[in-house]
Amino acid sequence: APLWLDAPEPLTEGVRSADAFERALLDEDGIEGVILRYGF
């Protein structure tokens, strides 16, 4: 399911920064990126 990248404030930056972080780890060549999305 897609992240809520166009979420209204004050959620916007939290979602977009999480997306940027996830992509940084998953898209790095030569290493396995694993994202653990924890609940509350």
PDB file of all heavy atoms in Angstrom:
ATOM      1  N   ALA A   1       0.841  -1.199   0.000  1.00  0.00           N
ATOM      2  CA  ALA A   1       0.000   0.000   0.000  1.00  0.00           C
ATOM      3  C   ALA A   1       0.876   1.248   0.000  1.00  0.00           C
ATOM      4  O   ALA A   1       1.929   1.278   0.653  1.00  0.00           O
ATOM      5  CB  ALA A   1      -0.918  -0.007   1.218  1.00  0.00           C
ATOM      6  N   PRO A   2       0.488   2.283  -0.712  1.00  0.00           N
ATOM      7  CA  PRO A   2       1.343   3.468  -0.840  1.00  0.00           C
ATOM      8  C   PRO A   2       1.407   4.298   0.441  1.00  0.00           C
ATOM      9  O   PRO A   2       0.447   4.346   1.219  1.00  0.00           O
ATOM     10  CB  PRO A   2       0.671   4.269  -1.963  1.00  0.00           C
ATOM     11  CG  PRO A   2      -0.765   3.859  -1.897  1.00  0.00           C
ATOM     12  CD  PRO A   2      -0.761   2.412  -1.500  1.00  0.00           C
ATOM     13  N   LEU A   3       2.561   4.938   0.634  1.00  0.00           N
ATOM     14  CA  LEU A   3       2.674   5.900   1.712  1.00  0.00           C
ATOM     15  C   LEU A   3       1.839   7.139   1.382  1.00  0.00           C
ATOM     16  O   LEU A   3       1.622   7.467   0.216  1.00  0.00           O
ATOM     17  CB  LEU A   3       4.132   6.298   1.933  1.00  0.00           C
ATOM     18  CG  LEU A   3       5.077   5.193   2.437  1.00  0.00           C
ATOM     19  CD1 LEU A   3       6.483   5.745   2.612  1.00  0.00           C
ATOM     20  CD2 LEU A   3       4.578   4.596   3.745  1.00  0.00           C
ATOM     21  N   TRP A   4       1.449   7.861   2.425  1.00  0.00           N
ATOM     22  CA  TRP A   4       0.571   9.023   2.269  1.00  0.00           C
ATOM     23  C   TRP A   4       1.427  10.255   2.015  1.00  0.00           C
ATOM     24  O   TRP A   4       1.526  11.163   2.845  1.00  0.00           O
ATOM     25  CB  TRP A   4      -0.270   9.182   3.534  1.00  0.00           C
ATOM     26  CG  TRP A   4      -1.490  10.031   3.365  1.00  0.00           C
ATOM     27  CD1 TRP A   4      -2.024  10.512   2.213  1.00  0.00           C
ATOM     28  CD2 TRP A   4      -2.343  10.485   4.429  1.00  0.00           C
ATOM     29  NE1 TRP A   4      -3.157  11.248   2.468  1.00  0.00           N
ATOM     30  CE2 TRP A   4      -3.375  11.246   3.817  1.00  0.00           C
ATOM     31  CE3 TRP A   4      -2.341  10.312   5.807  1.00  0.00           C
ATOM     32  CZ2 TRP A   4      -4.390  11.846   4.574  1.00  0.00           C
ATOM     33  CZ3 TRP A   4      -3.342  10.900   6.554  1.00  0.00           C
ATOM     34  CH2 TRP A   4      -4.362  11.654   5.948  1.00  0.00           C
ATOM     35  N   LEU A   5       2.057  10.299   0.847  1.00  0.00           N
ATOM     36  CA  LEU A   5       3.041  11.339   0.556  1.00  0.00           C
ATOM     37  C   LEU A   5       2.428  12.722   0.430  1.00  0.00           C
ATOM     38  O   LEU A   5       3.128  13.731   0.591  1.00  0.00           O
ATOM     39  CB  LEU A   5       3.807  10.983  -0.722  1.00  0.00           C
ATOM     40  CG  LEU A   5       4.676   9.728  -0.626  1.00  0.00           C
ATOM     41  CD1 LEU A   5       5.295   9.415  -1.976  1.00  0.00           C
ATOM     42  CD2 LEU A   5       5.755   9.901   0.430  1.00  0.00           C
ATOM     43  N   ASP A   6       1.136  12.798   0.139  1.00  0.00           N
ATOM     44  CA  ASP A   6       0.472  14.094   0.062  1.00  0.00           C
ATOM     45  C   ASP A   6      -0.408  14.332   1.291  1.00  0.00           C
ATOM     46  O   ASP A   6      -1.407  15.046   1.229  1.00  0.00           O
ATOM     47  CB  ASP A   6      -0.353  14.212  -1.213  1.00  0.00           C
ATOM     48  CG  ASP A   6      -1.406  13.110  -1.342  1.00  0.00           C
ATOM     49  OD1 ASP A   6      -1.356  12.139  -0.561  1.00  0.00           O
ATOM     50  OD2 ASP A   6      -2.265  13.218  -2.245  1.00  0.00           O
ATOM     51  N   ALA A   7      -0.020  13.743   2.398  1.00  0.00           N
ATOM     52  CA  ALA A   7      -0.767  13.934   3.638  1.00  0.00           C
ATOM     53  C   ALA A   7      -0.798  15.408   4.024  1.00  0.00           C
ATOM     54  O   ALA A   7       0.147  16.157   3.743  1.00  0.00           O
ATOM     55  CB  ALA A   7      -0.122  13.129   4.769  1.00  0.00           C
ATOM     56  N   PRO A   8      -1.863  15.858   4.678  1.00  0.00           N
ATOM     57  CA  PRO A   8      -1.927  17.261   5.096  1.00  0.00           C
ATOM     58  C   PRO A   8      -0.989  17.530   6.261  1.00  0.00           C
ATOM     59  O   PRO A   8      -0.552  16.611   6.963  1.00  0.00           O
ATOM     60  CB  PRO A   8      -3.395  17.421   5.519  1.00  0.00           C
ATOM     61  CG  PRO A   8      -3.812  16.040   5.940  1.00  0.00           C
ATOM     62  CD  PRO A   8      -3.080  15.102   5.031  1.00  0.00           C
ATOM     63  N   GLU A   9      -0.678  18.797   6.458  1.00  0.00           N
ATOM     64  CA  GLU A   9       0.081  19.172   7.641  1.00  0.00           C
ATOM     65  C   GLU A   9      -0.752  18.824   8.886  1.00  0.00           C
ATOM     66  O   GLU A   9      -1.975  18.894   8.845  1.00  0.00           O
ATOM     67  CB  GLU A   9       0.377  20.678   7.621  1.00  0.00           C
ATOM     68  CG  GLU A   9       1.307  21.088   6.497  1.00  0.00           C
ATOM     69  CD  GLU A   9       2.728  20.586   6.672  1.00  0.00           C
ATOM     70  OE1 GLU A   9       3.044  20.046   7.757  1.00  0.00           O
ATOM     71  OE2 GLU A   9       3.519  20.715   5.744  1.00  0.00           O
ATOM     72  N   PRO A  10      -0.109  18.403   9.987  1.00  0.00           N
ATOM     73  CA  PRO A  10       1.340  18.399  10.225  1.00  0.00           C
ATOM     74  C   PRO A  10       2.018  17.069   9.903  1.00  0.00           C
ATOM     75  O   PRO A  10       3.102  16.800  10.391  1.00  0.00           O
ATOM     76  CB  PRO A  10       1.399  18.665  11.735  1.00  0.00           C
ATOM     77  CG  PRO A  10       0.200  17.917  12.260  1.00  0.00           C
ATOM     78  CD  PRO A  10      -0.874  18.081  11.219  1.00  0.00           C
ATOM     79  N   LEU A  11       1.377  16.245   9.066  1.00  0.00           N
ATOM     80  CA  LEU A  11       1.896  14.906   8.796  1.00  0.00           C
ATOM     81  C   LEU A  11       2.891  14.876   7.638  1.00  0.00           C
ATOM     82  O   LEU A  11       3.645  13.915   7.501  1.00  0.00           O
ATOM     83  CB  LEU A  11       0.738  13.964   8.473  1.00  0.00           C
ATOM     84  CG  LEU A  11      -0.368  13.838   9.525  1.00  0.00           C
ATOM     85  CD1 LEU A  11      -1.506  12.993   8.993  1.00  0.00           C
ATOM     86  CD2 LEU A  11       0.185  13.238  10.805  1.00  0.00           C
ATOM     87  N   THR A  12       2.890  15.911   6.810  1.00  0.00           N
ATOM     88  CA  THR A  12       3.602  15.871   5.536  1.00  0.00           C
ATOM     89  C   THR A  12       5.065  15.492   5.671  1.00  0.00           C
ATOM     90  O   THR A  12       5.543  14.534   5.046  1.00  0.00           O
ATOM     91  CB  THR A  12       3.495  17.227   4.829  1.00  0.00           C
ATOM     92  OG1 THR A  12       2.136  17.655   4.825  1.00  0.00           O
ATOM     93  CG2 THR A  12       4.011  17.133   3.414  1.00  0.00           C
ATOM     94  N   GLU A  13       5.819  16.233   6.475  1.00  0.00           N
ATOM     95  CA  GLU A  13       7.257  16.016   6.553  1.00  0.00           C
ATOM     96  C   GLU A  13       7.596  14.662   7.167  1.00  0.00           C
ATOM     97  O   GLU A  13       8.559  14.013   6.761  1.00  0.00           O
ATOM     98  CB  GLU A  13       7.932  17.140   7.341  1.00  0.00           C
ATOM     99  CG  GLU A  13       9.436  16.982   7.511  1.00  0.00           C
ATOM    100  CD  GLU A  13      10.192  16.873   6.179  1.00  0.00           C
ATOM    101  OE1 GLU A  13       9.641  17.233   5.122  1.00  0.00           O
ATOM    102  OE2 GLU A  13      11.347  16.425   6.207  1.00  0.00           O
ATOM    103  N   GLY A  14       6.797  14.214   8.120  1.00  0.00           N
ATOM    104  CA  GLY A  14       7.050  12.906   8.713  1.00  0.00           C
ATOM    105  C   GLY A  14       6.964  11.784   7.697  1.00  0.00           C
ATOM    106  O   GLY A  14       7.827  10.902   7.649  1.00  0.00           O
ATOM    107  N   VAL A  15       5.931  11.832   6.855  1.00  0.00           N
ATOM    108  CA  VAL A  15       5.765  10.796   5.843  1.00  0.00           C
ATOM    109  C   VAL A  15       6.857  10.888   4.778  1.00  0.00           C
ATOM    110  O   VAL A  15       7.459   9.887   4.392  1.00  0.00           O
ATOM    111  CB  VAL A  15       4.374  10.889   5.188  1.00  0.00           C
ATOM    112  CG1 VAL A  15       4.215   9.798   4.133  1.00  0.00           C
ATOM    113  CG2 VAL A  15       3.270  10.769   6.232  1.00  0.00           C
ATOM    114  N   ARG A  16       7.125  12.086   4.313  1.00  0.00           N
ATOM    115  CA  ARG A  16       8.109  12.241   3.238  1.00  0.00           C
ATOM    116  C   ARG A  16       9.522  11.899   3.704  1.00  0.00           C
ATOM    117  O   ARG A  16      10.312  11.336   2.939  1.00  0.00           O
ATOM    118  CB  ARG A  16       8.041  13.659   2.681  1.00  0.00           C
ATOM    119  CG  ARG A  16       6.730  13.927   1.946  1.00  0.00           C
ATOM    120  CD  ARG A  16       6.659  15.338   1.402  1.00  0.00           C
ATOM    121  NE  ARG A  16       5.378  15.568   0.714  1.00  0.00           N
ATOM    122  CZ  ARG A  16       4.999  16.722   0.196  1.00  0.00           C
ATOM    123  NH1 ARG A  16       5.818  17.779   0.275  1.00  0.00           N
ATOM    124  NH2 ARG A  16       3.839  16.839  -0.397  1.00  0.00           N
ATOM    125  N   SER A  17       9.855  12.226   4.936  1.00  0.00           N
ATOM    126  CA  SER A  17      11.189  11.870   5.433  1.00  0.00           C
ATOM    127  C   SER A  17      11.314  10.369   5.629  1.00  0.00           C
ATOM    128  O   SER A  17      12.375   9.790   5.372  1.00  0.00           O
ATOM    129  CB  SER A  17      11.492  12.615   6.736  1.00  0.00           C
ATOM    130  OG  SER A  17      10.593  12.258   7.770  1.00  0.00           O
ATOM    131  N   ALA A  18      10.236   9.712   6.072  1.00  0.00           N
ATOM    132  CA  ALA A  18      10.268   8.249   6.185  1.00  0.00           C
ATOM    133  C   ALA A  18      10.448   7.618   4.809  1.00  0.00           C
ATOM    134  O   ALA A  18      11.208   6.647   4.652  1.00  0.00           O
ATOM    135  CB  ALA A  18       8.986   7.748   6.846  1.00  0.00           C
ATOM    136  N   ASP A  19       9.759   8.150   3.806  1.00  0.00           N
ATOM    137  CA  ASP A  19       9.899   7.644   2.447  1.00  0.00           C
ATOM    138  C   ASP A  19      11.329   7.822   1.942  1.00  0.00           C
ATOM    139  O   ASP A  19      11.910   6.906   1.337  1.00  0.00           O
ATOM    140  CB  ASP A  19       8.916   8.372   1.531  1.00  0.00           C
ATOM    141  CG  ASP A  19       9.047   7.959   0.078  1.00  0.00           C
ATOM    142  OD1 ASP A  19       8.847   6.770  -0.224  1.00  0.00           O
ATOM    143  OD2 ASP A  19       9.365   8.824  -0.755  1.00  0.00           O
ATOM    144  N   ALA A  20      11.913   9.000   2.186  1.00  0.00           N
ATOM    145  CA  ALA A  20      13.288   9.246   1.748  1.00  0.00           C
ATOM    146  C   ALA A  20      14.258   8.293   2.425  1.00  0.00           C
ATOM    147  O   ALA A  20      15.194   7.768   1.793  1.00  0.00           O
ATOM    148  CB  ALA A  20      13.673  10.694   2.042  1.00  0.00           C
ATOM    149  N   PHE A  21      14.057   8.046   3.709  1.00  0.00           N
ATOM    150  CA  PHE A  21      14.917   7.127   4.451  1.00  0.00           C
ATOM    151  C   PHE A  21      14.800   5.705   3.889  1.00  0.00           C
ATOM    152  O   PHE A  21      15.812   5.029   3.651  1.00  0.00           O
ATOM    153  CB  PHE A  21      14.523   7.144   5.927  1.00  0.00           C
ATOM    154  CG  PHE A  21      15.254   6.142   6.777  1.00  0.00           C
ATOM    155  CD1 PHE A  21      16.568   6.356   7.153  1.00  0.00           C
ATOM    156  CD2 PHE A  21      14.628   4.979   7.200  1.00  0.00           C
ATOM    157  CE1 PHE A  21      17.247   5.436   7.939  1.00  0.00           C
ATOM    158  CE2 PHE A  21      15.294   4.058   7.981  1.00  0.00           C
ATOM    159  CZ  PHE A  21      16.614   4.282   8.349  1.00  0.00           C
ATOM    160  N   GLU A  22      13.574   5.261   3.695  1.00  0.00           N
ATOM    161  CA  GLU A  22      13.370   3.908   3.180  1.00  0.00           C
ATOM    162  C   GLU A  22      14.030   3.735   1.818  1.00  0.00           C
ATOM    163  O   GLU A  22      14.718   2.722   1.567  1.00  0.00           O
ATOM    164  CB  GLU A  22      11.878   3.596   3.091  1.00  0.00           C
ATOM    165  CG  GLU A  22      11.188   3.473   4.441  1.00  0.00           C
ATOM    166  CD  GLU A  22       9.746   3.021   4.314  1.00  0.00           C
ATOM    167  OE1 GLU A  22       9.316   2.703   3.178  1.00  0.00           O
ATOM    168  OE2 GLU A  22       9.038   2.972   5.341  1.00  0.00           O
ATOM    169  N   ARG A  23      13.827   4.691   0.940  1.00  0.00           N
ATOM    170  CA  ARG A  23      14.401   4.573  -0.401  1.00  0.00           C
ATOM    171  C   ARG A  23      15.925   4.595  -0.367  1.00  0.00           C
ATOM    172  O   ARG A  23      16.579   3.909  -1.161  1.00  0.00           O
ATOM    173  CB  ARG A  23      13.857   5.692  -1.293  1.00  0.00           C
ATOM    174  CG  ARG A  23      12.403   5.477  -1.706  1.00  0.00           C
ATOM    175  CD  ARG A  23      11.930   6.476  -2.752  1.00  0.00           C
ATOM    176  NE  ARG A  23      11.744   7.810  -2.189  1.00  0.00           N
ATOM    177  CZ  ARG A  23      12.540   8.826  -2.401  1.00  0.00           C
ATOM    178  NH1 ARG A  23      13.632   8.674  -3.165  1.00  0.00           N
ATOM    179  NH2 ARG A  23      12.297  10.011  -1.866  1.00  0.00           N
ATOM    180  N   ALA A  24      16.499   5.363   0.556  1.00  0.00           N
ATOM    181  CA  ALA A  24      17.963   5.413   0.660  1.00  0.00           C
ATOM    182  C   ALA A  24      18.533   4.046   0.973  1.00  0.00           C
ATOM    183  O   ALA A  24      19.569   3.638   0.413  1.00  0.00           O
ATOM    184  CB  ALA A  24      18.380   6.423   1.725  1.00  0.00           C
ATOM    185  N   LEU A  25      17.874   3.305   1.855  1.00  0.00           N
ATOM    186  CA  LEU A  25      18.376   1.984   2.236  1.00  0.00           C
ATOM    187  C   LEU A  25      18.053   0.932   1.176  1.00  0.00           C
ATOM    188  O   LEU A  25      18.886   0.077   0.854  1.00  0.00           O
ATOM    189  CB  LEU A  25      17.790   1.561   3.585  1.00  0.00           C
ATOM    190  CG  LEU A  25      18.588   1.968   4.840  1.00  0.00           C
ATOM    191  CD1 LEU A  25      18.768   3.484   4.924  1.00  0.00           C
ATOM    192  CD2 LEU A  25      17.924   1.443   6.108  1.00  0.00           C
ATOM    193  N   LEU A  26      16.856   0.998   0.628  1.00  0.00           N
ATOM    194  CA  LEU A  26      16.438  -0.022  -0.331  1.00  0.00           C
ATOM    195  C   LEU A  26      17.113   0.124  -1.686  1.00  0.00           C
ATOM    196  O   LEU A  26      17.308  -0.867  -2.396  1.00  0.00           O
ATOM    197  CB  LEU A  26      14.918   0.035  -0.511  1.00  0.00           C
ATOM    198  CG  LEU A  26      14.069  -0.350   0.708  1.00  0.00           C
ATOM    199  CD1 LEU A  26      12.598  -0.059   0.433  1.00  0.00           C
ATOM    200  CD2 LEU A  26      14.259  -1.819   1.072  1.00  0.00           C
ATOM    201  N   ASP A  27      17.480   1.353  -2.040  1.00  0.00           N
ATOM    202  CA  ASP A  27      18.030   1.606  -3.376  1.00  0.00           C
ATOM    203  C   ASP A  27      19.549   1.579  -3.429  1.00  0.00           C
ATOM    204  O   ASP A  27      20.130   1.716  -4.521  1.00  0.00           O
ATOM    205  CB  ASP A  27      17.545   2.967  -3.889  1.00  0.00           C
ATOM    206  CG  ASP A  27      16.043   3.003  -4.141  1.00  0.00           C
ATOM    207  OD1 ASP A  27      15.428   1.922  -4.161  1.00  0.00           O
ATOM    208  OD2 ASP A  27      15.483   4.113  -4.295  1.00  0.00           O
ATOM    209  N   GLU A  28      20.207   1.401  -2.297  1.00  0.00           N
ATOM    210  CA  GLU A  28      21.672   1.363  -2.294  1.00  0.00           C
ATOM    211  C   GLU A  28      22.146   0.074  -2.972  1.00  0.00           C
ATOM    212  O   GLU A  28      21.806  -1.037  -2.539  1.00  0.00           O
ATOM    213  CB  GLU A  28      22.210   1.439  -0.869  1.00  0.00           C
ATOM    214  CG  GLU A  28      23.718   1.466  -0.759  1.00  0.00           C
ATOM    215  CD  GLU A  28      24.330   2.778  -1.228  1.00  0.00           C
ATOM    216  OE1 GLU A  28      23.642   3.825  -1.175  1.00  0.00           O
ATOM    217  OE2 GLU A  28      25.506   2.757  -1.638  1.00  0.00           O
ATOM    218  N   ASP A  29      22.933   0.202  -4.028  1.00  0.00           N
ATOM    219  CA  ASP A  29      23.435  -0.969  -4.740  1.00  0.00           C
ATOM    220  C   ASP A  29      24.474  -1.711  -3.903  1.00  0.00           C
ATOM    221  O   ASP A  29      25.224  -1.114  -3.125  1.00  0.00           O
ATOM    222  CB  ASP A  29      24.077  -0.542  -6.062  1.00  0.00           C
ATOM    223  CG  ASP A  29      23.058  -0.039  -7.068  1.00  0.00           C
ATOM    224  OD1 ASP A  29      21.888  -0.452  -6.978  1.00  0.00           O
ATOM    225  OD2 ASP A  29      23.436   0.785  -7.930  1.00  0.00           O
ATOM    226  N   GLY A  30      24.502  -3.027  -4.064  1.00  0.00           N
ATOM    227  CA  GLY A  30      25.555  -3.823  -3.448  1.00  0.00           C
ATOM    228  C   GLY A  30      25.314  -4.201  -2.003  1.00  0.00           C
ATOM    229  O   GLY A  30      26.220  -4.741  -1.350  1.00  0.00           O
ATOM    230  N   ILE A  31      24.126  -3.946  -1.485  1.00  0.00           N
ATOM    231  CA  ILE A  31      23.808  -4.314  -0.106  1.00  0.00           C
ATOM    232  C   ILE A  31      22.305  -4.551  -0.014  1.00  0.00           C
ATOM    233  O   ILE A  31      21.520  -3.932  -0.735  1.00  0.00           O
ATOM    234  CB  ILE A  31      24.251  -3.204   0.886  1.00  0.00           C
ATOM    235  CG1 ILE A  31      24.144  -3.694   2.334  1.00  0.00           C
ATOM    236  CG2 ILE A  31      23.467  -1.917   0.671  1.00  0.00           C
ATOM    237  CD1 ILE A  31      24.812  -2.738   3.330  1.00  0.00           C
ATOM    238  N   GLU A  32      21.897  -5.466   0.854  1.00  0.00           N
ATOM    239  CA  GLU A  32      20.481  -5.758   1.056  1.00  0.00           C
ATOM    240  C   GLU A  32      19.886  -4.736   2.022  1.00  0.00           C
ATOM    241  O   GLU A  32      20.305  -4.657   3.175  1.00  0.00           O
ATOM    242  CB  GLU A  32      20.287  -7.157   1.630  1.00  0.00           C
ATOM    243  CG  GLU A  32      20.717  -8.280   0.716  1.00  0.00           C
ATOM    244  CD  GLU A  32      20.578  -9.642   1.361  1.00  0.00           C
ATOM    245  OE1 GLU A  32      20.555  -9.723   2.606  1.00  0.00           O
ATOM    246  OE2 GLU A  32      20.517 -10.635   0.614  1.00  0.00           O
ATOM    247  N   GLY A  33      18.916  -3.976   1.566  1.00  0.00           N
ATOM    248  CA  GLY A  33      18.213  -3.041   2.427  1.00  0.00           C
ATOM    249  C   GLY A  33      16.948  -3.674   2.978  1.00  0.00           C
ATOM    250  O   GLY A  33      16.153  -4.250   2.232  1.00  0.00           O
ATOM    251  N   VAL A  34      16.790  -3.619   4.295  1.00  0.00           N
ATOM    252  CA  VAL A  34      15.612  -4.177   4.958  1.00  0.00           C
ATOM    253  C   VAL A  34      14.978  -3.066   5.797  1.00  0.00           C
ATOM    254  O   VAL A  34      15.641  -2.487   6.667  1.00  0.00           O
ATOM    255  CB  VAL A  34      15.968  -5.372   5.856  1.00  0.00           C
ATOM    256  CG1 VAL A  34      14.747  -5.846   6.637  1.00  0.00           C
ATOM    257  CG2 VAL A  34      16.530  -6.517   5.017  1.00  0.00           C
ATOM    258  N   ILE A  35      13.723  -2.783   5.542  1.00  0.00           N
ATOM    259  CA  ILE A  35      12.984  -1.774   6.292  1.00  0.00           C
ATOM    260  C   ILE A  35      11.987  -2.481   7.208  1.00  0.00           C
ATOM    261  O   ILE A  35      11.164  -3.265   6.753  1.00  0.00           O
ATOM    262  CB  ILE A  35      12.230  -0.816   5.356  1.00  0.00           C
ATOM    263  CG1 ILE A  35      13.206  -0.077   4.444  1.00  0.00           C
ATOM    264  CG2 ILE A  35      11.379   0.161   6.161  1.00  0.00           C
ATOM    265  CD1 ILE A  35      14.179   0.819   5.159  1.00  0.00           C
ATOM    266  N   LEU A  36      12.081  -2.184   8.491  1.00  0.00           N
ATOM    267  CA  LEU A  36      11.125  -2.706   9.465  1.00  0.00           C
ATOM    268  C   LEU A  36      10.195  -1.569   9.867  1.00  0.00           C
ATOM    269  O   LEU A  36      10.605  -0.627  10.548  1.00  0.00           O
ATOM    270  CB  LEU A  36      11.859  -3.264  10.687  1.00  0.00           C
ATOM    271  CG  LEU A  36      12.850  -4.395  10.406  1.00  0.00           C
ATOM    272  CD1 LEU A  36      13.479  -4.887  11.712  1.00  0.00           C
ATOM    273  CD2 LEU A  36      12.201  -5.549   9.657  1.00  0.00           C
ATOM    274  N   ARG A  37       8.971  -1.678   9.420  1.00  0.00           N
ATOM    275  CA  ARG A  37       7.965  -0.672   9.772  1.00  0.00           C
ATOM    276  C   ARG A  37       7.248  -1.131  11.039  1.00  0.00           C
ATOM    277  O   ARG A  37       6.328  -1.944  11.001  1.00  0.00           O
ATOM    278  CB  ARG A  37       6.960  -0.483   8.639  1.00  0.00           C
ATOM    279  CG  ARG A  37       7.519   0.202   7.405  1.00  0.00           C
ATOM    280  CD  ARG A  37       6.422   0.343   6.366  1.00  0.00           C
ATOM    281  NE  ARG A  37       6.885   1.009   5.155  1.00  0.00           N
ATOM    282  CZ  ARG A  37       6.203   1.022   4.015  1.00  0.00           C
ATOM    283  NH1 ARG A  37       5.027   0.407   3.940  1.00  0.00           N
ATOM    284  NH2 ARG A  37       6.699   1.644   2.958  1.00  0.00           N
ATOM    285  N   TYR A  38       7.688  -0.579  12.157  1.00  0.00           N
ATOM    286  CA  TYR A  38       7.124  -0.971  13.440  1.00  0.00           C
ATOM    287  C   TYR A  38       5.755  -0.329  13.655  1.00  0.00           C
ATOM    288  O   TYR A  38       5.464   0.760  13.151  1.00  0.00           O
ATOM    289  CB  TYR A  38       8.039  -0.533  14.582  1.00  0.00           C
ATOM    290  CG  TYR A  38       9.435  -1.108  14.537  1.00  0.00           C
ATOM    291  CD1 TYR A  38      10.527  -0.293  14.263  1.00  0.00           C
ATOM    292  CD2 TYR A  38       9.667  -2.457  14.781  1.00  0.00           C
ATOM    293  CE1 TYR A  38      11.809  -0.798  14.238  1.00  0.00           C
ATOM    294  CE2 TYR A  38      10.949  -2.975  14.759  1.00  0.00           C
ATOM    295  CZ  TYR A  38      12.026  -2.141  14.481  1.00  0.00           C
ATOM    296  OH  TYR A  38      13.299  -2.645  14.449  1.00  0.00           O
ATOM    297  N   GLY A  39       4.930  -1.003  14.441  1.00  0.00           N
ATOM    298  CA  GLY A  39       3.682  -0.410  14.898  1.00  0.00           C
ATOM    299  C   GLY A  39       3.940   0.546  16.056  1.00  0.00           C
ATOM    300  O   GLY A  39       5.085   0.885  16.375  1.00  0.00           O
ATOM    301  N   PHE A  40       2.875   0.981  16.701  1.00  0.00           N
ATOM    302  CA  PHE A  40       3.012   1.850  17.868  1.00  0.00           C
ATOM    303  C   PHE A  40       3.655   1.053  19.002  1.00  0.00           C
ATOM    304  O   PHE A  40       3.115   0.034  19.447  1.00  0.00           O
ATOM    305  CB  PHE A  40       1.641   2.371  18.306  1.00  0.00           C
ATOM    306  CG  PHE A  40       1.047   3.376  17.365  1.00  0.00           C
ATOM    307  CD1 PHE A  40       0.158   2.984  16.375  1.00  0.00           C
ATOM    308  CD2 PHE A  40       1.372   4.722  17.466  1.00  0.00           C
ATOM    309  CE1 PHE A  40      -0.400   3.912  15.503  1.00  0.00           C
ATOM    310  CE2 PHE A  40       0.826   5.656  16.598  1.00  0.00           C
ATOM    311  CZ  PHE A  40      -0.060   5.255  15.612  1.00  0.00           C
TER     312      PHE A  40
END
